[in-house]
Amino acid sequence: MSTTYIQRAAAAPLAVCALLLSGCVGFTVKPPKPASMPRAESPAPLKVGVVLKKPRFEWQGMGPMNTAYMERHRDRWMFKPMWAQADDVGGKFLRALQASSAFSQVDEVKSLGFNGTGSDDRDLLIDAEFSGKYTQDPAGFGKAFMTGFLLLLPAPFIRYEDAYFAAAELTVYDRSGRLLHKYSERQDVSSSAALFSAGSPGSVSAGIDAAATHLASRLVTAILADRDGYERAMRQAPPAPAPAPRIEPAVALAPEAAPEPAPAPADPVERVKAKADAAHAGLDAEAAKSETPPSSQASVKPQPARRGPLTSAEEAAIDEQVMP
C-alpha cells in the first residue's frame, strides 16, 4: 500500500468532520438589515422634538429564558450585546430621522412640554413608544435532542428558526398640544441558524438589529411623505397661548386710617367748656385707677366725663375772651 493512499485515507475523516462542523455554524436573517436609510433632498423649516420612552422588550426561549430571567441577568457578559440592541430600538429611529434631513432640527426632549413648560420652541413634538420580542424556535429542544442522539450526524441539515419583531406607536403634536397624526408600525424578522449559532448572542443581536432598523426605515419614510401636511398645519396653527402672569404677593398691608380729630368749637365759650370737660375726665380716670385694684383694672369700663359748675378761674377766663 503506497504512502499516498494512506495519507488520503487518513485525511478523509478529517474532511468529513470539517464538512460537518462547517454546517453547524452560521445564520441568516430575513429580510436582511437594510443597507441605507431614506433621505430627503432638503429639510423642511420645522424644529422637531422626540420623546423616547424606554422600549418594552420581551424574551421567550427554551428553559428558564424568559423576560423576568433576562431582566435579572442583563449584566451578564453573554446577555449584554442582546440587551444593547433591545434598549436601542427607539434610538435607531431617532438617529435615522436626524440623518434623513427631513427637518431643520431634530433632537430628543425629556417631556412634551406644552404651554410654556419647556418645549415651546419646537414646531412638532413626537411622543414615541417602542416594543419588541424575541421568540426562540419552539422545536429547538426536540431538534437538539435528535442531533445529540444521532451523534451530530444530522446537524448540518437541521436549522433553528427564531422570530423577532419591533413595533412603534408615534403621536405627533404641534407646540400647543393639538394632535396632528398617529403612526403604528411593526416589522417582523426571522433568522435561520445552525446548531452552534442558534441562540448565540451574535445571532440574537443581529436579528433584533435588523428588525429595529427596518422599523426605523418605515417610520422615517412615512414621516417624509407627510412633511407637506405638517408645514401647512403649522402655517394655519393659532399662536401658542402665553403663560399666565405670575401674581406677586402683597409686600405690605395698607396702613389703617387714623381717626380724624374732633373739630374744635368755633365759640370761645364752648372751647373753654371743652377744655374743662377734658380736665375733669382726666381727674376721674386717675381717681378710678387709684381706687381699683390692679387685678380688676382690665374689667373696669371707662365712665363718661362728669360735668359740674365752673370754677372762678374758668369764669374769669370766659369773661376775658367774651369781653376783653
C-alpha atoms as a PDB file:
ATOM      1  CA  MET A   1       0.000   0.000   0.000  1.00  0.00           C
ATOM      2  CA  SER A   2       1.505   3.282  -1.041  1.00  0.00           C
ATOM      3  CA  THR A   3       2.131   6.202   1.262  1.00  0.00           C
ATOM      4  CA  THR A   4      -0.118   8.458  -0.809  1.00  0.00           C
ATOM      5  CA  TYR A   5      -3.089   6.140  -0.382  1.00  0.00           C
ATOM      6  CA  ILE A   6      -2.566   6.013   3.377  1.00  0.00           C
ATOM      7  CA  GLN A   7      -2.437   9.809   3.630  1.00  0.00           C
ATOM      8  CA  ARG A   8      -5.644  10.164   1.626  1.00  0.00           C
ATOM      9  CA  ALA A   9      -7.371   7.555   3.745  1.00  0.00           C
ATOM     10  CA  ALA A  10      -6.350   9.418   6.906  1.00  0.00           C
ATOM     11  CA  ALA A  11      -7.439  12.778   5.534  1.00  0.00           C
ATOM     12  CA  ALA A  12     -10.928  11.557   4.565  1.00  0.00           C
ATOM     13  CA  PRO A  13     -12.331  11.507   8.120  1.00  0.00           C
ATOM     14  CA  LEU A  14     -10.879  14.941   8.754  1.00  0.00           C
ATOM     15  CA  ALA A  15     -12.591  16.269   5.650  1.00  0.00           C
ATOM     16  CA  VAL A  16     -15.876  14.759   6.727  1.00  0.00           C
ATOM     17  CA  CYS A  17     -15.539  16.326  10.183  1.00  0.00           C
ATOM     18  CA  ALA A  18     -14.711  19.708   8.676  1.00  0.00           C
ATOM     19  CA  LEU A  19     -17.768  19.487   6.445  1.00  0.00           C
ATOM     20  CA  LEU A  20     -19.957  18.586   9.364  1.00  0.00           C
ATOM     21  CA  LEU A  21     -18.594  21.402  11.525  1.00  0.00           C
ATOM     22  CA  SER A  22     -18.969  23.950   8.746  1.00  0.00           C
ATOM     23  CA  GLY A  23     -22.619  23.043   8.532  1.00  0.00           C
ATOM     24  CA  CYS A  24     -23.046  23.518  12.283  1.00  0.00           C
ATOM     25  CA  VAL A  25     -22.222  27.249  12.294  1.00  0.00           C
ATOM     26  CA  GLY A  26     -23.638  30.315  10.591  1.00  0.00           C
ATOM     27  CA  PHE A  27     -27.005  32.044  10.389  1.00  0.00           C
ATOM     28  CA  THR A  28     -29.052  34.215   8.035  1.00  0.00           C
ATOM     29  CA  VAL A  29     -31.618  36.931   8.725  1.00  0.00           C
ATOM     30  CA  LYS A  30     -34.683  37.531   6.548  1.00  0.00           C
ATOM     31  CA  PRO A  31     -35.222  40.223   5.488  1.00  0.00           C
ATOM     32  CA  PRO A  32     -31.628  41.327   5.941  1.00  0.00           C
ATOM     33  CA  LYS A  33     -30.731  44.617   7.551  1.00  0.00           C
ATOM     34  CA  PRO A  34     -31.227  47.491   5.053  1.00  0.00           C
ATOM     35  CA  ALA A  35     -28.033  48.939   3.674  1.00  0.00           C
ATOM     36  CA  SER A  36     -29.279  52.573   3.615  1.00  0.00           C
ATOM     37  CA  MET A  37     -31.975  54.733   5.150  1.00  0.00           C
ATOM     38  CA  PRO A  38     -34.419  57.131   3.399  1.00  0.00           C
ATOM     39  CA  ARG A  39     -33.294  60.732   2.969  1.00  0.00           C
ATOM     40  CA  ALA A  40     -34.904  63.996   1.882  1.00  0.00           C
ATOM     41  CA  GLU A  41     -33.461  66.356  -0.719  1.00  0.00           C
ATOM     42  CA  SER A  42     -33.799  69.382   1.569  1.00  0.00           C
ATOM     43  CA  PRO A  43     -35.019  69.852   5.138  1.00  0.00           C
ATOM     44  CA  ALA A  44     -38.381  71.392   5.976  1.00  0.00           C
ATOM     45  CA  PRO A  45     -38.132  74.556   8.125  1.00  0.00           C
ATOM     46  CA  LEU A  46     -39.514  72.884  11.224  1.00  0.00           C
ATOM     47  CA  LYS A  47     -37.981  72.066  14.590  1.00  0.00           C
ATOM     48  CA  VAL A  48     -38.904  68.648  15.957  1.00  0.00           C
ATOM     49  CA  GLY A  49     -38.589  67.254  19.473  1.00  0.00           C
ATOM     50  CA  VAL A  50     -38.833  63.500  20.091  1.00  0.00           C
ATOM     51  CA  VAL A  51     -39.773  61.996  23.460  1.00  0.00           C
ATOM     52  CA  LEU A  52     -38.280  58.481  23.593  1.00  0.00           C
ATOM     53  CA  LYS A  53     -39.712  56.130  26.162  1.00  0.00           C
ATOM     54  CA  LYS A  54     -37.804  53.028  27.258  1.00  0.00           C
ATOM     55  CA  PRO A  55     -38.676  50.143  24.917  1.00  0.00           C
ATOM     56  CA  ARG A  56     -40.697  47.244  26.306  1.00  0.00           C
ATOM     57  CA  PHE A  57     -38.902  44.106  25.126  1.00  0.00           C
ATOM     58  CA  GLU A  58     -39.966  40.519  25.789  1.00  0.00           C
ATOM     59  CA  TRP A  59     -37.962  37.306  25.680  1.00  0.00           C
ATOM     60  CA  GLN A  60     -39.318  33.812  25.082  1.00  0.00           C
ATOM     61  CA  GLY A  61     -36.824  30.974  24.853  1.00  0.00           C
ATOM     62  CA  MET A  62     -36.065  27.452  25.944  1.00  0.00           C
ATOM     63  CA  GLY A  63     -35.707  26.567  29.594  1.00  0.00           C
ATOM     64  CA  PRO A  64     -35.558  29.490  32.015  1.00  0.00           C
ATOM     65  CA  MET A  65     -35.069  32.087  29.306  1.00  0.00           C
ATOM     66  CA  ASN A  66     -37.994  34.489  29.745  1.00  0.00           C
ATOM     67  CA  THR A  67     -38.434  38.219  30.307  1.00  0.00           C
ATOM     68  CA  ALA A  68     -38.042  38.079  34.104  1.00  0.00           C
ATOM     69  CA  TYR A  69     -34.924  35.913  33.850  1.00  0.00           C
ATOM     70  CA  MET A  70     -33.339  38.204  31.273  1.00  0.00           C
ATOM     71  CA  GLU A  71     -34.078  41.287  33.385  1.00  0.00           C
ATOM     72  CA  ARG A  72     -32.345  39.733  36.382  1.00  0.00           C
ATOM     73  CA  HIS A  73     -29.283  38.756  34.383  1.00  0.00           C
ATOM     74  CA  ARG A  74     -28.958  41.646  31.968  1.00  0.00           C
ATOM     75  CA  ASP A  75     -25.452  42.430  33.283  1.00  0.00           C
ATOM     76  CA  ARG A  76     -24.025  39.008  32.386  1.00  0.00           C
ATOM     77  CA  TRP A  77     -21.477  39.182  29.579  1.00  0.00           C
ATOM     78  CA  MET A  78     -23.436  36.845  27.285  1.00  0.00           C
ATOM     79  CA  PHE A  79     -26.627  38.942  27.531  1.00  0.00           C
ATOM     80  CA  LYS A  80     -25.129  42.435  27.303  1.00  0.00           C
ATOM     81  CA  PRO A  81     -24.972  42.551  23.459  1.00  0.00           C
ATOM     82  CA  MET A  82     -28.566  41.372  23.250  1.00  0.00           C
ATOM     83  CA  TRP A  83     -29.818  43.964  25.728  1.00  0.00           C
ATOM     84  CA  ALA A  84     -27.818  46.693  23.996  1.00  0.00           C
ATOM     85  CA  GLN A  85     -29.819  46.090  20.812  1.00  0.00           C
ATOM     86  CA  ALA A  86     -33.134  45.725  22.636  1.00  0.00           C
ATOM     87  CA  ASP A  87     -32.713  49.011  24.533  1.00  0.00           C
ATOM     88  CA  ASP A  88     -31.700  50.867  21.351  1.00  0.00           C
ATOM     89  CA  VAL A  89     -34.827  50.197  19.280  1.00  0.00           C
ATOM     90  CA  GLY A  90     -36.042  53.787  19.745  1.00  0.00           C
ATOM     91  CA  GLY A  91     -32.553  55.231  19.369  1.00  0.00           C
ATOM     92  CA  LYS A  92     -32.279  53.787  15.861  1.00  0.00           C
ATOM     93  CA  PHE A  93     -35.408  55.691  14.841  1.00  0.00           C
ATOM     94  CA  LEU A  94     -34.150  58.959  16.334  1.00  0.00           C
ATOM     95  CA  ARG A  95     -30.788  58.723  14.575  1.00  0.00           C
ATOM     96  CA  ALA A  96     -32.446  57.757  11.288  1.00  0.00           C
ATOM     97  CA  LEU A  97     -34.774  60.778  11.473  1.00  0.00           C
ATOM     98  CA  GLN A  98     -31.833  63.080  12.248  1.00  0.00           C
ATOM     99  CA  ALA A  99     -29.797  61.693   9.335  1.00  0.00           C
ATOM    100  CA  SER A 100     -32.704  61.902   6.876  1.00  0.00           C
ATOM    101  CA  SER A 101     -32.577  65.737   6.579  1.00  0.00           C
ATOM    102  CA  ALA A 102     -36.369  65.727   6.909  1.00  0.00           C
ATOM    103  CA  PHE A 103     -36.436  68.772   9.217  1.00  0.00           C
ATOM    104  CA  SER A 104     -34.129  71.630  10.068  1.00  0.00           C
ATOM    105  CA  GLN A 105     -33.681  70.360  13.642  1.00  0.00           C
ATOM    106  CA  VAL A 106     -34.431  67.033  15.321  1.00  0.00           C
ATOM    107  CA  ASP A 107     -33.391  66.347  18.905  1.00  0.00           C
ATOM    108  CA  GLU A 108     -34.521  64.367  21.910  1.00  0.00           C
ATOM    109  CA  VAL A 109     -36.523  66.082  24.665  1.00  0.00           C
ATOM    110  CA  LYS A 110     -37.462  64.763  28.078  1.00  0.00           C
ATOM    111  CA  SER A 111     -41.150  65.745  28.020  1.00  0.00           C
ATOM    112  CA  LEU A 112     -43.746  67.101  25.627  1.00  0.00           C
ATOM    113  CA  GLY A 113     -43.784  70.447  27.461  1.00  0.00           C
ATOM    114  CA  PHE A 114     -46.945  72.098  26.182  1.00  0.00           C
ATOM    115  CA  ASN A 115     -47.937  75.650  27.132  1.00  0.00           C
ATOM    116  CA  GLY A 116     -44.725  77.103  28.441  1.00  0.00           C
ATOM    117  CA  THR A 117     -43.242  74.149  30.311  1.00  0.00           C
ATOM    118  CA  GLY A 118     -40.067  73.580  28.346  1.00  0.00           C
ATOM    119  CA  SER A 119     -40.536  72.751  24.641  1.00  0.00           C
ATOM    120  CA  ASP A 120     -42.394  75.684  23.097  1.00  0.00           C
ATOM    121  CA  ASP A 121     -39.510  76.407  20.719  1.00  0.00           C
ATOM    122  CA  ARG A 122     -40.272  73.177  18.783  1.00  0.00           C
ATOM    123  CA  ASP A 123     -42.809  73.214  15.989  1.00  0.00           C
ATOM    124  CA  LEU A 124     -43.573  69.485  16.241  1.00  0.00           C
ATOM    125  CA  LEU A 125     -43.397  67.112  19.197  1.00  0.00           C
ATOM    126  CA  ILE A 126     -43.346  63.323  18.699  1.00  0.00           C
ATOM    127  CA  ASP A 127     -44.305  61.008  21.551  1.00  0.00           C
ATOM    128  CA  ALA A 128     -42.630  57.670  20.662  1.00  0.00           C
ATOM    129  CA  GLU A 129     -43.295  54.275  22.281  1.00  0.00           C
ATOM    130  CA  PHE A 130     -41.418  51.150  21.160  1.00  0.00           C
ATOM    131  CA  SER A 131     -41.720  47.449  21.905  1.00  0.00           C
ATOM    132  CA  GLY A 132     -40.223  44.196  20.654  1.00  0.00           C
ATOM    133  CA  LYS A 133     -39.923  40.479  21.222  1.00  0.00           C
ATOM    134  CA  TYR A 134     -37.541  37.591  20.616  1.00  0.00           C
ATOM    135  CA  THR A 135     -39.049  34.100  20.274  1.00  0.00           C
ATOM    136  CA  GLN A 136     -36.760  31.089  20.140  1.00  0.00           C
ATOM    137  CA  ASP A 137     -37.598  28.155  17.873  1.00  0.00           C
ATOM    138  CA  PRO A 138     -40.370  26.219  19.688  1.00  0.00           C
ATOM    139  CA  ALA A 139     -38.996  22.950  18.249  1.00  0.00           C
ATOM    140  CA  GLY A 140     -35.448  23.770  19.259  1.00  0.00           C
ATOM    141  CA  PHE A 141     -35.352  21.350  22.190  1.00  0.00           C
ATOM    142  CA  GLY A 142     -36.502  18.424  20.044  1.00  0.00           C
ATOM    143  CA  LYS A 143     -34.036  19.267  17.288  1.00  0.00           C
ATOM    144  CA  ALA A 144     -31.155  19.452  19.759  1.00  0.00           C
ATOM    145  CA  PHE A 145     -32.129  16.106  21.294  1.00  0.00           C
ATOM    146  CA  MET A 146     -32.269  14.327  17.945  1.00  0.00           C
ATOM    147  CA  THR A 147     -28.950  15.829  16.885  1.00  0.00           C
ATOM    148  CA  GLY A 148     -27.214  14.567  20.005  1.00  0.00           C
ATOM    149  CA  PHE A 149     -28.933  11.182  19.870  1.00  0.00           C
ATOM    150  CA  LEU A 150     -27.669  10.616  16.319  1.00  0.00           C
ATOM    151  CA  LEU A 151     -24.109  11.703  17.221  1.00  0.00           C
ATOM    152  CA  LEU A 152     -24.300  15.055  15.377  1.00  0.00           C
ATOM    153  CA  LEU A 153     -24.812  13.375  12.009  1.00  0.00           C
ATOM    154  CA  PRO A 154     -27.962  15.394  11.114  1.00  0.00           C
ATOM    155  CA  ALA A 155     -26.501  18.663  12.474  1.00  0.00           C
ATOM    156  CA  PRO A 156     -25.570  20.183   9.077  1.00  0.00           C
ATOM    157  CA  PHE A 157     -29.131  19.684   7.871  1.00  0.00           C
ATOM    158  CA  ILE A 158     -31.066  20.980  10.889  1.00  0.00           C
ATOM    159  CA  ARG A 159     -31.791  24.703  11.133  1.00  0.00           C
ATOM    160  CA  TYR A 160     -33.176  26.586  14.118  1.00  0.00           C
ATOM    161  CA  GLU A 161     -35.798  29.184  13.189  1.00  0.00           C
ATOM    162  CA  ASP A 162     -36.092  32.144  15.592  1.00  0.00           C
ATOM    163  CA  ALA A 163     -38.541  35.054  15.273  1.00  0.00           C
ATOM    164  CA  TYR A 164     -38.216  38.752  16.127  1.00  0.00           C
ATOM    165  CA  PHE A 165     -40.408  41.797  15.850  1.00  0.00           C
ATOM    166  CA  ALA A 166     -40.133  45.511  16.635  1.00  0.00           C
ATOM    167  CA  ALA A 167     -43.162  47.818  16.863  1.00  0.00           C
ATOM    168  CA  ALA A 168     -43.729  51.558  17.337  1.00  0.00           C
ATOM    169  CA  GLU A 169     -46.577  53.902  18.240  1.00  0.00           C
ATOM    170  CA  LEU A 170     -45.863  57.547  17.339  1.00  0.00           C
ATOM    171  CA  THR A 171     -48.115  60.506  18.135  1.00  0.00           C
ATOM    172  CA  VAL A 172     -47.331  63.886  16.568  1.00  0.00           C
ATOM    173  CA  TYR A 173     -48.441  67.168  18.199  1.00  0.00           C
ATOM    174  CA  ASP A 174     -47.891  70.822  17.442  1.00  0.00           C
ATOM    175  CA  ARG A 175     -46.449  73.196  20.022  1.00  0.00           C
ATOM    176  CA  SER A 176     -49.881  73.942  21.532  1.00  0.00           C
ATOM    177  CA  GLY A 177     -50.697  70.263  22.095  1.00  0.00           C
ATOM    178  CA  ARG A 178     -53.001  69.785  19.090  1.00  0.00           C
ATOM    179  CA  LEU A 179     -52.956  66.214  17.772  1.00  0.00           C
ATOM    180  CA  LEU A 180     -51.773  66.119  14.156  1.00  0.00           C
ATOM    181  CA  HIS A 181     -51.130  62.472  13.252  1.00  0.00           C
ATOM    182  CA  LYS A 182     -50.525  58.943  14.573  1.00  0.00           C
ATOM    183  CA  TYR A 183     -48.273  56.185  13.239  1.00  0.00           C
ATOM    184  CA  SER A 184     -48.441  52.492  14.092  1.00  0.00           C
ATOM    185  CA  GLU A 185     -45.818  50.229  12.514  1.00  0.00           C
ATOM    186  CA  ARG A 186     -44.487  46.730  13.095  1.00  0.00           C
ATOM    187  CA  GLN A 187     -41.598  44.857  11.483  1.00  0.00           C
ATOM    188  CA  ASP A 188     -41.190  41.072  11.686  1.00  0.00           C
ATOM    189  CA  VAL A 189     -37.854  39.348  11.067  1.00  0.00           C
ATOM    190  CA  SER A 190     -36.801  35.681  11.161  1.00  0.00           C
ATOM    191  CA  SER A 191     -33.401  34.051  11.462  1.00  0.00           C
ATOM    192  CA  SER A 192     -32.205  30.601  10.397  1.00  0.00           C
ATOM    193  CA  ALA A 193     -29.220  29.372  12.397  1.00  0.00           C
ATOM    194  CA  ALA A 194     -27.177  26.196  12.578  1.00  0.00           C
ATOM    195  CA  LEU A 195     -26.612  24.220  15.751  1.00  0.00           C
ATOM    196  CA  PHE A 196     -23.710  26.174  17.195  1.00  0.00           C
ATOM    197  CA  SER A 197     -25.103  29.564  16.149  1.00  0.00           C
ATOM    198  CA  ALA A 198     -28.695  29.123  17.333  1.00  0.00           C
ATOM    199  CA  GLY A 199     -29.485  31.318  20.328  1.00  0.00           C
ATOM    200  CA  SER A 200     -25.971  32.777  20.476  1.00  0.00           C
ATOM    201  CA  PRO A 201     -25.525  36.435  21.489  1.00  0.00           C
ATOM    202  CA  GLY A 202     -24.342  37.314  17.990  1.00  0.00           C
ATOM    203  CA  SER A 203     -27.285  35.799  16.114  1.00  0.00           C
ATOM    204  CA  VAL A 204     -29.909  37.171  18.521  1.00  0.00           C
ATOM    205  CA  SER A 205     -28.362  40.660  18.428  1.00  0.00           C
ATOM    206  CA  ALA A 206     -28.323  40.588  14.622  1.00  0.00           C
ATOM    207  CA  GLY A 207     -31.999  39.651  14.493  1.00  0.00           C
ATOM    208  CA  ILE A 208     -33.041  42.461  16.850  1.00  0.00           C
ATOM    209  CA  ASP A 209     -30.854  44.941  14.980  1.00  0.00           C
ATOM    210  CA  ALA A 210     -32.417  44.015  11.639  1.00  0.00           C
ATOM    211  CA  ALA A 211     -35.984  44.329  12.960  1.00  0.00           C
ATOM    212  CA  ALA A 212     -35.333  47.714  14.616  1.00  0.00           C
ATOM    213  CA  THR A 213     -33.531  49.116  11.565  1.00  0.00           C
ATOM    214  CA  HIS A 214     -36.337  48.070   9.211  1.00  0.00           C
ATOM    215  CA  LEU A 215     -38.857  49.653  11.598  1.00  0.00           C
ATOM    216  CA  ALA A 216     -36.926  52.935  11.699  1.00  0.00           C
ATOM    217  CA  SER A 217     -36.783  52.996   7.876  1.00  0.00           C
ATOM    218  CA  ARG A 218     -40.543  52.533   7.588  1.00  0.00           C
ATOM    219  CA  LEU A 219     -41.273  55.254  10.138  1.00  0.00           C
ATOM    220  CA  VAL A 220     -38.957  57.792   8.512  1.00  0.00           C
ATOM    221  CA  THR A 221     -40.463  57.036   5.086  1.00  0.00           C
ATOM    222  CA  ALA A 222     -43.974  57.677   6.411  1.00  0.00           C
ATOM    223  CA  ILE A 223     -42.931  60.941   8.095  1.00  0.00           C
ATOM    224  CA  LEU A 224     -41.210  62.167   4.925  1.00  0.00           C
ATOM    225  CA  ALA A 225     -44.441  61.576   2.990  1.00  0.00           C
ATOM    226  CA  ASP A 226     -46.375  63.763   5.472  1.00  0.00           C
ATOM    227  CA  ARG A 227     -43.962  66.710   5.653  1.00  0.00           C
ATOM    228  CA  ASP A 228     -46.084  68.971   3.415  1.00  0.00           C
ATOM    229  CA  GLY A 229     -49.094  68.383   5.633  1.00  0.00           C
ATOM    230  CA  TYR A 230     -47.110  69.334   8.726  1.00  0.00           C
ATOM    231  CA  GLU A 231     -45.921  72.563   7.101  1.00  0.00           C
ATOM    232  CA  ARG A 232     -49.495  73.522   6.177  1.00  0.00           C
ATOM    233  CA  ALA A 233     -50.685  72.707   9.675  1.00  0.00           C
ATOM    234  CA  MET A 234     -48.013  74.932  11.216  1.00  0.00           C
ATOM    235  CA  ARG A 235     -48.930  77.859   8.936  1.00  0.00           C
ATOM    236  CA  GLN A 236     -52.597  77.531   9.877  1.00  0.00           C
ATOM    237  CA  ALA A 237     -51.999  76.852  13.564  1.00  0.00           C
ATOM    238  CA  PRO A 238     -53.086  79.539  16.066  1.00  0.00           C
ATOM    239  CA  PRO A 239     -50.310  81.173  18.070  1.00  0.00           C
ATOM    240  CA  ALA A 240     -49.263  79.383  21.194  1.00  0.00           C
ATOM    241  CA  PRO A 241     -51.046  80.694  24.319  1.00  0.00           C
ATOM    242  CA  ALA A 242     -48.944  82.940  26.501  1.00  0.00           C
ATOM    243  CA  PRO A 243     -48.237  81.665  30.002  1.00  0.00           C
ATOM    244  CA  ALA A 244     -50.396  83.091  32.769  1.00  0.00           C
ATOM    245  CA  PRO A 245     -48.841  86.112  34.531  1.00  0.00           C
ATOM    246  CA  ARG A 246     -47.363  85.439  37.887  1.00  0.00           C
ATOM    247  CA  ILE A 247     -49.179  87.104  40.776  1.00  0.00           C
ATOM    248  CA  GLU A 248     -46.777  88.514  43.329  1.00  0.00           C
ATOM    249  CA  PRO A 249     -47.918  88.557  46.974  1.00  0.00           C
ATOM    250  CA  ALA A 250     -48.564  91.902  48.611  1.00  0.00           C
ATOM    251  CA  VAL A 251     -45.430  93.284  50.275  1.00  0.00           C
ATOM    252  CA  ALA A 252     -47.148  95.337  52.952  1.00  0.00           C
ATOM    253  CA  LEU A 253     -50.696  95.963  54.013  1.00  0.00           C
ATOM    254  CA  ALA A 254     -52.228  99.391  53.660  1.00  0.00           C
ATOM    255  CA  PRO A 255     -51.924 101.390  56.894  1.00  0.00           C
ATOM    256  CA  GLU A 256     -55.063 101.863  58.881  1.00  0.00           C
ATOM    257  CA  ALA A 257     -56.674 105.245  58.604  1.00  0.00           C
ATOM    258  CA  ALA A 258     -56.007 107.392  61.636  1.00  0.00           C
ATOM    259  CA  PRO A 259     -59.101 108.706  63.414  1.00  0.00           C
ATOM    260  CA  GLU A 260     -59.895 112.254  62.485  1.00  0.00           C
ATOM    261  CA  PRO A 261     -59.603 114.695  65.369  1.00  0.00           C
ATOM    262  CA  ALA A 262     -62.820 116.205  66.562  1.00  0.00           C
ATOM    263  CA  PRO A 263     -63.324 119.734  65.234  1.00  0.00           C
ATOM    264  CA  ALA A 264     -62.718 122.472  67.759  1.00  0.00           C
ATOM    265  CA  PRO A 265     -65.800 124.519  68.704  1.00  0.00           C
ATOM    266  CA  ALA A 266     -65.955 127.851  66.991  1.00  0.00           C
ATOM    267  CA  ASP A 267     -67.460 129.656  70.009  1.00  0.00           C
ATOM    268  CA  PRO A 268     -64.873 130.754  72.676  1.00  0.00           C
ATOM    269  CA  VAL A 269     -67.235 129.749  75.471  1.00  0.00           C
ATOM    270  CA  GLU A 270     -67.609 126.280  74.041  1.00  0.00           C
ATOM    271  CA  ARG A 271     -63.818 125.954  73.689  1.00  0.00           C
ATOM    272  CA  VAL A 272     -63.333 126.735  77.388  1.00  0.00           C
ATOM    273  CA  LYS A 273     -66.074 124.268  78.341  1.00  0.00           C
ATOM    274  CA  ALA A 274     -64.458 121.554  76.231  1.00  0.00           C
ATOM    275  CA  LYS A 275     -61.108 122.119  77.967  1.00  0.00           C
ATOM    276  CA  ALA A 276     -62.786 121.889  81.342  1.00  0.00           C
ATOM    277  CA  ASP A 277     -64.558 118.670  80.399  1.00  0.00           C
ATOM    278  CA  ALA A 278     -61.261 117.157  79.302  1.00  0.00           C
ATOM    279  CA  ALA A 279     -59.613 118.149  82.589  1.00  0.00           C
ATOM    280  CA  HIS A 280     -62.457 116.637  84.631  1.00  0.00           C
ATOM    281  CA  ALA A 281     -62.255 113.430  82.556  1.00  0.00           C
ATOM    282  CA  GLY A 282     -58.538 113.140  83.268  1.00  0.00           C
ATOM    283  CA  LEU A 283     -59.085 113.595  87.017  1.00  0.00           C
ATOM    284  CA  ASP A 284     -61.824 110.961  87.044  1.00  0.00           C
ATOM    285  CA  ALA A 285     -59.588 108.484  85.210  1.00  0.00           C
ATOM    286  CA  GLU A 286     -56.747 108.980  87.721  1.00  0.00           C
ATOM    287  CA  ALA A 287     -59.144 108.513  90.636  1.00  0.00           C
ATOM    288  CA  ALA A 288     -60.558 105.337  89.122  1.00  0.00           C
ATOM    289  CA  LYS A 289     -57.083 103.877  88.680  1.00  0.00           C
ATOM    290  CA  SER A 290     -56.130 104.615  92.270  1.00  0.00           C
ATOM    291  CA  GLU A 291     -59.373 103.165  93.700  1.00  0.00           C
ATOM    292  CA  THR A 292     -59.459  99.995  91.549  1.00  0.00           C
ATOM    293  CA  PRO A 293     -57.138  97.085  92.454  1.00  0.00           C
ATOM    294  CA  PRO A 294     -54.576  96.116  89.778  1.00  0.00           C
ATOM    295  CA  SER A 295     -56.203  92.721  89.278  1.00  0.00           C
ATOM    296  CA  SER A 296     -59.546  94.265  88.296  1.00  0.00           C
ATOM    297  CA  GLN A 297     -58.400  97.290  86.289  1.00  0.00           C
ATOM    298  CA  ALA A 298     -58.789  95.435  82.990  1.00  0.00           C
ATOM    299  CA  SER A 299     -62.521  94.810  83.620  1.00  0.00           C
ATOM    300  CA  VAL A 300     -63.450  98.411  84.677  1.00  0.00           C
ATOM    301  CA  LYS A 301     -65.280 100.246  81.934  1.00  0.00           C
ATOM    302  CA  PRO A 302     -64.482 103.944  81.413  1.00  0.00           C
ATOM    303  CA  GLN A 303     -67.169 106.290  82.828  1.00  0.00           C
ATOM    304  CA  PRO A 304     -68.420 109.337  80.989  1.00  0.00           C
ATOM    305  CA  ALA A 305     -66.865 112.671  81.950  1.00  0.00           C
ATOM    306  CA  ARG A 306     -68.531 114.407  84.879  1.00  0.00           C
ATOM    307  CA  ARG A 307     -69.901 117.848  84.161  1.00  0.00           C
ATOM    308  CA  GLY A 308     -70.302 120.351  87.008  1.00  0.00           C
ATOM    309  CA  PRO A 309     -70.351 124.112  87.752  1.00  0.00           C
ATOM    310  CA  LEU A 310     -67.460 126.227  86.514  1.00  0.00           C
ATOM    311  CA  THR A 311     -64.810 127.375  88.917  1.00  0.00           C
ATOM    312  CA  SER A 312     -63.973 131.021  89.443  1.00  0.00           C
ATOM    313  CA  ALA A 313     -60.831 130.727  87.321  1.00  0.00           C
ATOM    314  CA  GLU A 314     -62.833 129.272  84.443  1.00  0.00           C
ATOM    315  CA  GLU A 315     -65.435 132.037  84.699  1.00  0.00           C
ATOM    316  CA  ALA A 316     -62.682 134.683  84.664  1.00  0.00           C
ATOM    317  CA  ALA A 317     -61.152 133.089  81.506  1.00  0.00           C
ATOM    318  CA  ILE A 318     -64.545 133.181  79.817  1.00  0.00           C
ATOM    319  CA  ASP A 319     -65.068 136.807  80.737  1.00  0.00           C
ATOM    320  CA  GLU A 320     -61.646 137.753  79.292  1.00  0.00           C
ATOM    321  CA  GLN A 321     -62.444 136.094  75.968  1.00  0.00           C
ATOM    322  CA  VAL A 322     -66.031 137.294  75.653  1.00  0.00           C
ATOM    323  CA  MET A 323     -65.485 140.792  76.986  1.00  0.00           C
ATOM    324  CA  PRO A 324     -61.858 141.711  76.565  1.00  0.00           C
END
